[in-house]
Amino acid sequence: MAIVENHVQWQSVCEPPEPVEGNLFVSAYPPFSCWQADCSSEFERVLQSSPDKRGDAPLGLYVHIPFCLQRCQFCYYRSIANPASDTIDSYLDALIHEIRLYGESPRLKGRKLAFVYFGGGTPALLSPGQMQRLFRELQSVFPWCDIQEVTFECSPKTVTRDRLETLHAAGVTRISMGAQQLNDDVLRQSGRIHLVDDIRRAYDEIRQHHFDVVNIDLMVGLVGETEQSFFESLHQVISMNPDSITFYQLEIPANTPLFHALHEGQISSLAGWDMKRQRLTDAFAQLESEGYTLRSAYAAVRDPARHRFHYQEMQYRGADLLGTGLASFGYLGGMHYQNQASMREYSESLAAGRLPYKRGYVLDDEERMVREFVLQLKLGRVETQYFSSKFGVNVAEHFREQLRRFANRGWLSPDAGAVTLTRQGLLRVDRLLPAFYRSEHRDLSYW
């Protein structure tokens, strides 16, 4: 089986066969493979600059907690399984130091956060005491007085009453729990350590603490999944009535245990993209029949006005995002950056009083426009006036050829005021996005 790690060239994005392996989910533009290691002078320039003169770019914070109980078969994030308590404490020392260094920079000093996201790994692996320390130190640098959303990820096994009490008291507003599926056999084959009973217990405990939004993450195309197991799982989740349900279609990047298991012949078959998209099509239709509203290519919510996802929405519209922690990604003043992915290099940088960034990329005005356009397409609808006002660009004309091509395929509908993706376009949006990249970025490895 050929290993496919690159995005398919945009000219052939419509044509089979689609690769079984590789990264398809687009989270940044330009692709990570364009980012440069020699970026220190550019990053220092950004940190020493004042915020945008218009003052309308909100500031968000991403905090990476790279620890989990056990690495899942499909996981491609930087995480360390089953860490000792003192390992976590040492990491928190470095993380807090990093946040303080950023708080002293002219770009960030005195700014208030609009949103915070704690991701991993599994942030809820922290003890209540470790959580309290992190919240206390973080809020001393960046107050939460104007915060609109604080999301905290958890897994079912890490949900306990004392942890939830700590999160609620600290001001966490949104809990996101990774369930993946409610089928014990599928969970075991995916390397998850929780079972269905753990999911139900954890969800009931979360609901008792009255967070503003509770999201459940599910996956389509897991090892051992059948059509019956997938939809029985979905029906169980619907009966739980979460505020938000997020779906991810299984990907198999080269740095996952699943990739190696596939190449070693331990897995005989997986659902193809057509099957995953069909199951997700039917799943979204069922959710809509139950009163949910589709808010992006990945998520359905009970109430679009109340159950928003500011972390995503603001990023897609150019917010500054301060990414902190091991291997985290950030976006400040029109510059992408990523931290060191080695714990040793991350910790040594901070011990020496240096910020631990590894690589970065400064976007020009056109690249900023393209970045926001492709990210906003993930929401299913792009308002053309937004780009005319912010960038002075008529996106309908700028992307005329790509829009015509995909409209002919029935995947989107451009008009004078907006570009709207059809349901089938939305379900394959990450396959379409490279078509809108600048020509020099289209045929590159994503990573």
Protein backbone atom coordinates (compact mmCIF):
# COMPACT_ATOMS: atom_id res chain seq x y z
CA MET A 1 0.00 0.00 0.00
CA ALA A 2 1.47 3.37 -0.96
CA ILE A 3 2.01 5.90 1.79
CA VAL A 4 0.35 9.21 0.98
CA GLU A 5 1.31 12.10 3.25
CA ASN A 6 0.69 15.07 0.97
CA HIS A 7 -2.50 16.82 0.08
CA VAL A 8 -3.74 15.72 -3.32
CA GLN A 9 -3.11 18.33 -6.00
CA TRP A 10 -6.12 20.59 -6.28
CA GLN A 11 -6.69 19.81 -9.95
CA SER A 12 -7.44 16.19 -9.04
CA VAL A 13 -9.19 16.74 -5.74
CA CYS A 14 -12.44 15.55 -7.28
CA GLU A 15 -11.06 12.33 -8.68
CA PRO A 16 -10.76 8.88 -7.05
CA PRO A 17 -9.02 7.14 -5.51
CA GLU A 18 -8.77 9.12 -2.31
CA PRO A 19 -5.78 8.22 -0.12
CA VAL A 20 -6.36 6.00 2.89
CA GLU A 21 -3.45 7.58 4.75
CA GLY A 22 -2.20 11.10 5.40
CA ASN A 23 -3.39 14.39 6.84
CA LEU A 24 -6.49 15.88 5.27
CA PHE A 25 -7.81 18.13 8.06
CA VAL A 26 -6.76 21.73 7.37
CA SER A 27 -6.06 23.78 10.48
CA ALA A 28 -3.65 26.39 9.09
CA TYR A 29 -2.65 28.20 5.94
CA PRO A 30 -0.04 28.21 4.47
CA PRO A 31 0.77 24.52 5.13
CA PHE A 32 3.05 23.72 8.03
CA SER A 33 5.79 22.53 5.67
CA CYS A 34 6.26 26.18 4.58
CA TRP A 35 7.04 27.33 8.09
CA GLN A 36 10.67 28.24 8.73
CA ALA A 37 12.97 27.32 11.61
CA ASP A 38 14.89 30.62 11.37
CA CYS A 39 12.06 32.86 12.53
CA SER A 40 13.37 34.38 15.78
CA SER A 41 13.83 37.93 14.45
CA GLU A 42 10.35 38.00 12.91
CA PHE A 43 8.73 36.61 16.05
CA GLU A 44 10.53 39.09 18.28
CA ARG A 45 9.38 41.89 16.00
CA VAL A 46 5.76 40.75 16.40
CA LEU A 47 6.05 40.50 20.20
CA GLN A 48 7.62 43.95 20.42
CA SER A 49 4.91 45.52 18.27
CA SER A 50 1.69 47.06 19.49
CA PRO A 51 -1.65 45.34 18.86
CA ASP A 52 -3.41 46.15 15.58
CA LYS A 53 -4.27 49.85 15.40
CA ARG A 54 -7.95 49.12 14.87
CA GLY A 55 -7.90 47.16 18.14
CA ASP A 56 -10.54 44.77 16.84
CA ALA A 57 -8.56 41.52 16.90
CA PRO A 58 -9.60 39.58 20.00
CA LEU A 59 -6.98 37.63 21.92
CA GLY A 60 -7.33 33.95 22.67
CA LEU A 61 -5.16 31.53 24.58
CA TYR A 62 -4.48 27.88 23.86
CA VAL A 63 -2.92 25.84 26.68
CA HIS A 64 -1.52 22.43 25.75
CA ILE A 65 -1.42 19.72 28.41
CA PRO A 66 0.49 16.87 26.69
CA PHE A 67 -0.44 14.04 29.04
CA CYS A 68 -2.94 11.21 28.76
CA LEU A 69 -3.69 7.88 30.39
CA GLN A 70 -2.98 5.95 27.19
CA ARG A 71 -2.32 6.92 23.59
CA CYS A 72 -5.14 6.01 21.22
CA GLN A 73 -4.61 4.21 17.92
CA PHE A 74 -5.65 7.25 15.88
CA CYS A 75 -3.92 9.99 17.90
CA TYR A 76 -1.42 12.23 16.12
CA TYR A 77 -1.09 14.94 18.78
CA ARG A 78 2.00 15.39 20.95
CA SER A 79 1.22 13.52 24.15
CA ILE A 80 2.92 11.50 26.88
CA ALA A 81 1.08 8.53 28.33
CA ASN A 82 0.73 7.81 32.04
CA PRO A 83 3.10 10.50 33.40
CA ALA A 84 4.32 10.68 37.00
CA SER A 85 2.91 13.49 39.13
CA ASP A 86 6.30 15.21 39.42
CA THR A 87 6.62 15.15 35.61
CA ILE A 88 3.36 17.07 35.38
CA ASP A 89 4.49 19.52 38.08
CA SER A 90 7.76 20.20 36.24
CA TYR A 91 5.86 20.78 33.03
CA LEU A 92 3.50 23.21 34.75
CA ASP A 93 6.55 25.12 36.05
CA ALA A 94 7.76 25.58 32.48
CA LEU A 95 4.29 26.35 31.11
CA ILE A 96 3.62 29.04 33.72
CA HIS A 97 7.03 30.58 33.02
CA GLU A 98 6.19 30.68 29.31
CA ILE A 99 2.87 32.43 29.96
CA ARG A 100 4.59 35.01 32.17
CA LEU A 101 7.20 35.75 29.50
CA TYR A 102 4.47 36.37 26.96
CA GLY A 103 2.60 38.58 29.42
CA GLU A 104 5.58 40.93 29.58
CA SER A 105 5.72 41.52 25.81
CA PRO A 106 4.37 44.81 24.35
CA ARG A 107 2.08 42.89 22.02
CA LEU A 108 0.32 41.12 24.88
CA LYS A 109 0.87 43.06 28.08
CA GLY A 110 -2.38 44.26 29.60
CA ARG A 111 -4.59 42.62 26.98
CA LYS A 112 -7.66 40.75 28.11
CA LEU A 113 -8.58 37.32 26.87
CA ALA A 114 -11.72 36.69 24.83
CA PHE A 115 -11.44 32.90 24.95
CA VAL A 116 -9.26 30.13 26.37
CA TYR A 117 -8.92 26.51 25.28
CA PHE A 118 -7.23 23.78 27.33
CA GLY A 119 -6.36 20.90 25.02
CA GLY A 120 -4.16 17.84 24.96
CA GLY A 121 -3.51 15.07 25.57
CA THR A 122 -6.05 15.12 28.33
CA PRO A 123 -6.01 18.32 30.42
CA ALA A 124 -8.40 16.74 32.94
CA LEU A 125 -5.58 14.40 33.92
CA LEU A 126 -4.33 17.25 36.13
CA SER A 127 -5.24 16.95 39.79
CA PRO A 128 -7.55 19.59 41.29
CA GLY A 129 -4.54 21.15 43.01
CA GLN A 130 -2.58 21.32 39.78
CA MET A 131 -5.58 22.82 38.02
CA GLN A 132 -5.99 25.47 40.71
CA ARG A 133 -2.34 26.42 40.48
CA LEU A 134 -2.48 26.72 36.69
CA PHE A 135 -5.67 28.80 36.75
CA ARG A 136 -4.34 31.08 39.48
CA GLU A 137 -1.05 31.79 37.72
CA LEU A 138 -2.65 32.18 34.30
CA GLN A 139 -5.28 34.63 35.52
CA SER A 140 -2.64 36.70 37.29
CA VAL A 141 -1.08 37.38 33.87
CA PHE A 142 -4.18 37.45 31.66
CA PRO A 143 -7.35 38.29 33.62
CA TRP A 144 -10.59 36.56 32.63
CA CYS A 145 -12.84 39.53 33.42
CA ASP A 146 -14.08 39.85 29.80
CA ILE A 147 -13.87 36.18 28.89
CA GLN A 148 -16.54 34.82 26.56
CA GLU A 149 -15.60 31.16 26.63
CA VAL A 150 -13.27 28.78 28.46
CA THR A 151 -13.15 25.24 27.04
CA PHE A 152 -11.61 22.31 28.89
CA GLU A 153 -11.12 18.89 27.31
CA CYS A 154 -11.63 15.70 29.24
CA SER A 155 -11.87 11.96 28.73
CA PRO A 156 -14.47 9.84 30.55
CA LYS A 157 -11.97 8.21 32.90
CA THR A 158 -10.63 11.57 34.10
CA VAL A 159 -14.04 13.02 35.03
CA THR A 160 -14.41 13.23 38.81
CA ARG A 161 -16.56 15.39 41.03
CA ASP A 162 -13.64 17.25 42.59
CA ARG A 163 -12.11 18.04 39.21
CA LEU A 164 -15.44 19.33 37.87
CA GLU A 165 -15.97 21.46 40.97
CA THR A 166 -12.53 22.98 40.43
CA LEU A 167 -13.23 23.71 36.77
CA HIS A 168 -16.62 25.26 37.44
CA ALA A 169 -15.27 27.45 40.25
CA ALA A 170 -12.44 28.67 38.03
CA GLY A 171 -14.84 29.88 35.34
CA VAL A 172 -14.73 27.10 32.74
CA THR A 173 -17.83 27.47 30.56
CA ARG A 174 -17.50 24.66 28.03
CA ILE A 175 -16.62 21.02 28.62
CA SER A 176 -15.62 18.88 25.64
CA MET A 177 -15.53 15.13 26.26
CA GLY A 178 -13.94 12.70 23.82
CA ALA A 179 -16.25 9.69 23.60
CA GLN A 180 -15.54 8.63 19.97
CA GLN A 181 -18.29 5.98 19.92
CA LEU A 182 -20.60 4.26 22.36
CA ASN A 183 -19.67 0.71 21.46
CA ASP A 184 -17.32 -1.24 23.72
CA ASP A 185 -15.80 -3.37 20.97
CA VAL A 186 -15.00 -0.39 18.76
CA LEU A 187 -13.55 1.50 21.72
CA ARG A 188 -11.25 -1.39 22.64
CA GLN A 189 -9.99 -1.75 19.05
CA SER A 190 -9.25 2.00 18.94
CA GLY A 191 -7.07 1.85 22.03
CA ARG A 192 -9.50 3.75 24.24
CA ILE A 193 -9.38 2.80 27.92
CA HIS A 194 -12.95 3.89 28.62
CA LEU A 195 -16.09 1.92 27.87
CA VAL A 196 -19.70 2.96 27.37
CA ASP A 197 -20.52 2.84 31.09
CA ASP A 198 -17.63 5.26 31.73
CA ILE A 199 -19.02 7.68 29.15
CA ARG A 200 -22.49 7.65 30.68
CA ARG A 201 -21.18 8.06 34.24
CA ALA A 202 -18.91 10.94 33.21
CA TYR A 203 -21.63 12.71 31.23
CA ASP A 204 -24.10 12.51 34.11
CA GLU A 205 -21.47 13.93 36.47
CA ILE A 206 -20.67 16.80 34.08
CA ARG A 207 -24.34 17.69 33.71
CA GLN A 208 -24.75 17.98 37.47
CA HIS A 209 -22.27 20.88 37.48
CA HIS A 210 -24.23 23.04 35.01
CA PHE A 211 -21.57 24.15 32.55
CA ASP A 212 -22.88 26.47 29.83
CA VAL A 213 -22.03 24.07 27.00
CA VAL A 214 -21.25 20.35 27.00
CA ASN A 215 -19.81 18.95 23.78
CA ILE A 216 -19.29 15.28 22.93
CA ASP A 217 -16.69 14.31 20.33
CA LEU A 218 -17.47 11.35 18.07
CA MET A 219 -15.53 9.74 15.23
CA VAL A 220 -16.58 8.19 11.94
CA GLY A 221 -14.68 5.25 10.43
CA LEU A 222 -13.01 3.74 13.50
CA VAL A 223 -11.52 0.25 13.45
CA GLY A 224 -14.27 -2.33 13.96
CA GLU A 225 -17.06 0.13 13.20
CA THR A 226 -20.10 -1.08 11.29
CA GLU A 227 -23.08 0.88 10.09
CA GLN A 228 -25.11 -0.67 12.89
CA SER A 229 -22.58 0.13 15.60
CA PHE A 230 -22.18 3.70 14.37
CA PHE A 231 -25.88 4.56 14.33
CA GLU A 232 -26.65 2.72 17.56
CA SER A 233 -23.91 4.83 19.11
CA LEU A 234 -25.37 8.00 17.63
CA HIS A 235 -28.85 7.19 18.96
CA GLN A 236 -27.40 6.76 22.46
CA VAL A 237 -25.68 10.14 22.24
CA ILE A 238 -28.86 11.84 21.02
CA SER A 239 -30.71 10.38 24.01
CA MET A 240 -28.13 12.03 26.29
CA ASN A 241 -29.06 15.42 24.75
CA PRO A 242 -25.67 17.19 24.72
CA ASP A 243 -25.57 20.84 23.68
CA SER A 244 -23.05 20.12 20.93
CA ILE A 245 -21.91 17.03 19.03
CA THR A 246 -18.69 17.16 17.03
CA PHE A 247 -17.74 14.55 14.44
CA TYR A 248 -14.30 13.79 13.04
CA GLN A 249 -13.73 11.52 10.06
CA LEU A 250 -10.89 9.13 10.83
CA GLU A 251 -7.51 10.08 9.37
CA ILE A 252 -4.34 7.99 9.48
CA PRO A 253 -1.25 10.22 9.62
CA ALA A 254 2.14 8.54 9.60
CA ASN A 255 2.83 9.35 13.27
CA THR A 256 -0.10 7.33 14.61
CA PRO A 257 -0.11 3.79 16.04
CA LEU A 258 -2.92 3.05 13.60
CA PHE A 259 -0.64 3.81 10.64
CA HIS A 260 1.90 1.24 11.83
CA ALA A 261 -0.78 -1.34 12.63
CA LEU A 262 -2.17 -0.94 9.12
CA HIS A 263 1.24 -1.45 7.50
CA GLU A 264 2.02 -4.43 9.69
CA GLY A 265 -1.15 -6.16 8.55
CA GLN A 266 -2.83 -6.02 11.96
CA ILE A 267 -5.90 -4.35 10.42
CA SER A 268 -7.63 -5.87 7.43
CA SER A 269 -10.08 -3.17 6.42
CA LEU A 270 -11.24 0.35 7.18
CA ALA A 271 -14.19 2.41 5.97
CA GLY A 272 -13.38 4.42 2.85
CA TRP A 273 -14.08 8.12 2.47
CA ASP A 274 -17.31 7.59 0.55
CA MET A 275 -18.63 5.39 3.34
CA LYS A 276 -17.52 7.82 6.06
CA ARG A 277 -19.16 10.73 4.27
CA GLN A 278 -22.38 8.77 3.76
CA ARG A 279 -22.57 7.83 7.44
CA LEU A 280 -21.92 11.44 8.41
CA THR A 281 -24.55 12.64 5.92
CA ASP A 282 -27.13 10.37 7.51
CA ALA A 283 -25.96 11.30 11.02
CA PHE A 284 -26.40 15.02 10.38
CA ALA A 285 -29.84 14.38 8.88
CA GLN A 286 -30.87 12.48 12.03
CA LEU A 287 -29.53 15.22 14.26
CA GLU A 288 -31.48 17.85 12.32
CA SER A 289 -34.63 15.76 12.68
CA GLU A 290 -34.01 15.83 16.46
CA GLY A 291 -33.78 19.63 16.53
CA TYR A 292 -30.03 20.14 16.16
CA THR A 293 -28.57 22.74 13.78
CA LEU A 294 -25.44 22.18 11.74
CA ARG A 295 -22.95 24.93 12.62
CA SER A 296 -19.87 23.73 10.72
CA ALA A 297 -18.49 20.85 8.71
CA TYR A 298 -17.98 18.99 11.96
CA ALA A 299 -20.54 20.01 14.55
CA ALA A 300 -24.25 20.24 15.29
CA VAL A 301 -25.68 22.22 18.22
CA ARG A 302 -28.98 22.46 20.04
CA ASP A 303 -29.13 26.26 20.01
CA PRO A 304 -26.84 28.19 17.61
CA ALA A 305 -27.28 31.40 19.59
CA ARG A 306 -26.34 29.89 22.96
CA HIS A 307 -24.04 27.05 21.99
CA ARG A 308 -21.41 28.91 20.04
CA PHE A 309 -17.76 27.92 19.74
CA HIS A 310 -15.84 31.18 20.08
CA TYR A 311 -12.45 29.48 19.96
CA GLN A 312 -13.16 28.40 16.40
CA GLU A 313 -15.22 31.34 15.20
CA MET A 314 -12.79 34.03 16.32
CA GLN A 315 -9.74 32.21 14.97
CA TYR A 316 -11.39 31.88 11.59
CA ARG A 317 -11.80 35.66 11.56
CA GLY A 318 -8.21 36.59 12.34
CA ALA A 319 -8.07 36.65 16.14
CA ASP A 320 -4.70 36.58 17.83
CA LEU A 321 -4.13 33.15 19.38
CA LEU A 322 -1.40 32.76 21.97
CA GLY A 323 -0.40 29.09 21.75
CA THR A 324 1.43 27.86 24.85
CA GLY A 325 2.84 24.52 25.89
CA LEU A 326 4.70 21.70 24.22
CA ALA A 327 4.36 21.64 20.40
CA SER A 328 1.47 24.14 20.48
CA PHE A 329 0.54 26.41 17.57
CA GLY A 330 -0.20 30.13 17.74
CA TYR A 331 -1.03 33.06 15.50
CA LEU A 332 -0.02 36.59 16.51
CA GLY A 333 -0.01 39.74 14.41
CA GLY A 334 -0.29 37.82 11.15
CA MET A 335 2.44 35.33 12.03
CA HIS A 336 2.07 31.58 12.60
CA TYR A 337 4.39 29.90 15.06
CA GLN A 338 4.87 26.51 16.68
CA ASN A 339 6.64 25.58 19.92
CA GLN A 340 9.29 22.93 20.36
CA ALA A 341 7.91 19.39 20.19
CA SER A 342 10.69 17.93 22.34
CA MET A 343 10.07 18.16 26.08
CA ARG A 344 13.79 18.58 26.68
CA GLU A 345 14.14 21.45 24.21
CA TYR A 346 10.92 23.07 25.40
CA SER A 347 12.01 22.98 29.06
CA GLU A 348 15.63 24.00 28.38
CA SER A 349 14.53 27.04 26.37
CA LEU A 350 12.37 28.30 29.21
CA ALA A 351 14.99 27.49 31.85
CA ALA A 352 17.31 29.80 29.89
CA GLY A 353 14.65 32.52 29.81
CA ARG A 354 13.84 32.05 26.12
CA LEU A 355 10.45 31.48 24.57
CA PRO A 356 10.33 27.92 23.17
CA TYR A 357 9.16 28.56 19.60
CA LYS A 358 10.49 26.20 16.93
CA ARG A 359 9.29 27.52 13.58
CA GLY A 360 7.05 30.19 12.11
CA TYR A 361 5.69 31.93 9.05
CA VAL A 362 4.84 35.59 8.40
CA LEU A 363 1.78 35.97 6.18
CA ASP A 364 1.45 38.79 3.67
CA ASP A 365 -1.91 40.51 3.12
CA GLU A 366 -3.05 38.09 0.42
CA GLU A 367 -2.11 35.07 2.51
CA ARG A 368 -4.08 36.44 5.46
CA MET A 369 -7.09 36.79 3.18
CA VAL A 370 -6.70 33.24 1.84
CA ARG A 371 -6.24 31.90 5.37
CA GLU A 372 -9.50 33.40 6.60
CA PHE A 373 -11.37 32.41 3.44
CA VAL A 374 -10.45 28.72 3.62
CA LEU A 375 -11.06 28.52 7.37
CA GLN A 376 -14.45 30.23 7.12
CA LEU A 377 -15.48 27.79 4.39
CA LYS A 378 -15.44 25.16 7.14
CA LEU A 379 -18.43 26.97 8.66
CA GLY A 380 -20.39 26.34 5.47
CA ARG A 381 -20.94 29.93 4.41
CA VAL A 382 -18.59 32.83 3.63
CA GLU A 383 -19.94 36.37 3.42
CA THR A 384 -18.23 38.20 0.56
CA GLN A 385 -18.75 41.65 2.11
CA TYR A 386 -16.54 40.64 5.04
CA PHE A 387 -13.57 40.23 2.69
CA SER A 388 -14.37 43.38 0.73
CA SER A 389 -14.41 45.41 3.94
CA LYS A 390 -11.41 43.83 5.63
CA PHE A 391 -9.10 43.07 2.71
CA GLY A 392 -10.50 45.07 -0.21
CA VAL A 393 -10.90 41.82 -2.17
CA ASN A 394 -13.87 40.52 -4.11
CA VAL A 395 -13.45 36.83 -3.26
CA ALA A 396 -16.08 35.78 -5.78
CA GLU A 397 -13.88 37.19 -8.53
CA HIS A 398 -10.53 36.32 -6.93
CA PHE A 399 -11.50 32.63 -6.69
CA ARG A 400 -13.78 32.63 -9.73
CA GLU A 401 -12.27 29.54 -11.43
CA GLN A 402 -12.23 27.39 -8.28
CA LEU A 403 -15.77 28.40 -7.35
CA ARG A 404 -17.02 27.62 -10.85
CA ARG A 405 -15.32 24.22 -10.79
CA PHE A 406 -16.84 23.21 -7.45
CA ALA A 407 -20.24 24.70 -8.26
CA ASN A 408 -20.34 22.47 -11.34
CA ARG A 409 -19.71 19.49 -9.07
CA GLY A 410 -22.62 20.52 -6.86
CA TRP A 411 -20.39 21.23 -3.87
CA LEU A 412 -21.02 24.95 -3.39
CA SER A 413 -23.21 27.79 -4.55
CA PRO A 414 -21.65 31.24 -5.07
CA ASP A 415 -23.84 34.31 -5.39
CA ALA A 416 -23.43 38.06 -5.04
CA GLY A 417 -23.42 38.02 -1.26
CA ALA A 418 -21.94 34.71 -0.14
CA VAL A 419 -20.33 31.40 -0.98
CA THR A 420 -22.42 28.61 0.50
CA LEU A 421 -21.34 24.98 0.58
CA THR A 422 -23.86 22.27 -0.15
CA ARG A 423 -24.10 19.36 2.29
CA GLN A 424 -21.84 17.22 0.09
CA GLY A 425 -19.37 20.07 -0.24
CA LEU A 426 -19.33 20.60 3.49
CA LEU A 427 -18.60 16.93 4.20
CA ARG A 428 -15.49 17.04 1.96
CA VAL A 429 -14.47 20.61 2.71
CA ASP A 430 -10.91 19.77 3.76
CA ARG A 431 -10.41 18.10 0.38
CA LEU A 432 -11.54 21.26 -1.41
CA LEU A 433 -9.57 23.87 0.49
CA PRO A 434 -6.16 23.42 -1.19
CA ALA A 435 -7.76 24.58 -4.44
CA PHE A 436 -7.94 28.07 -2.94
CA TYR A 437 -4.28 28.18 -1.89
CA ARG A 438 -1.80 30.32 -3.72
CA SER A 439 -0.20 28.32 -6.53
CA GLU A 440 3.14 27.88 -4.73
CA HIS A 441 1.39 26.23 -1.78
CA ARG A 442 -0.90 23.75 -3.54
CA ASP A 443 1.35 20.76 -4.07
CA LEU A 444 3.26 20.80 -0.80
CA SER A 445 3.31 18.32 2.04
CA TYR A 446 0.90 19.62 4.67
CA TRP A 447 3.33 18.93 7.49
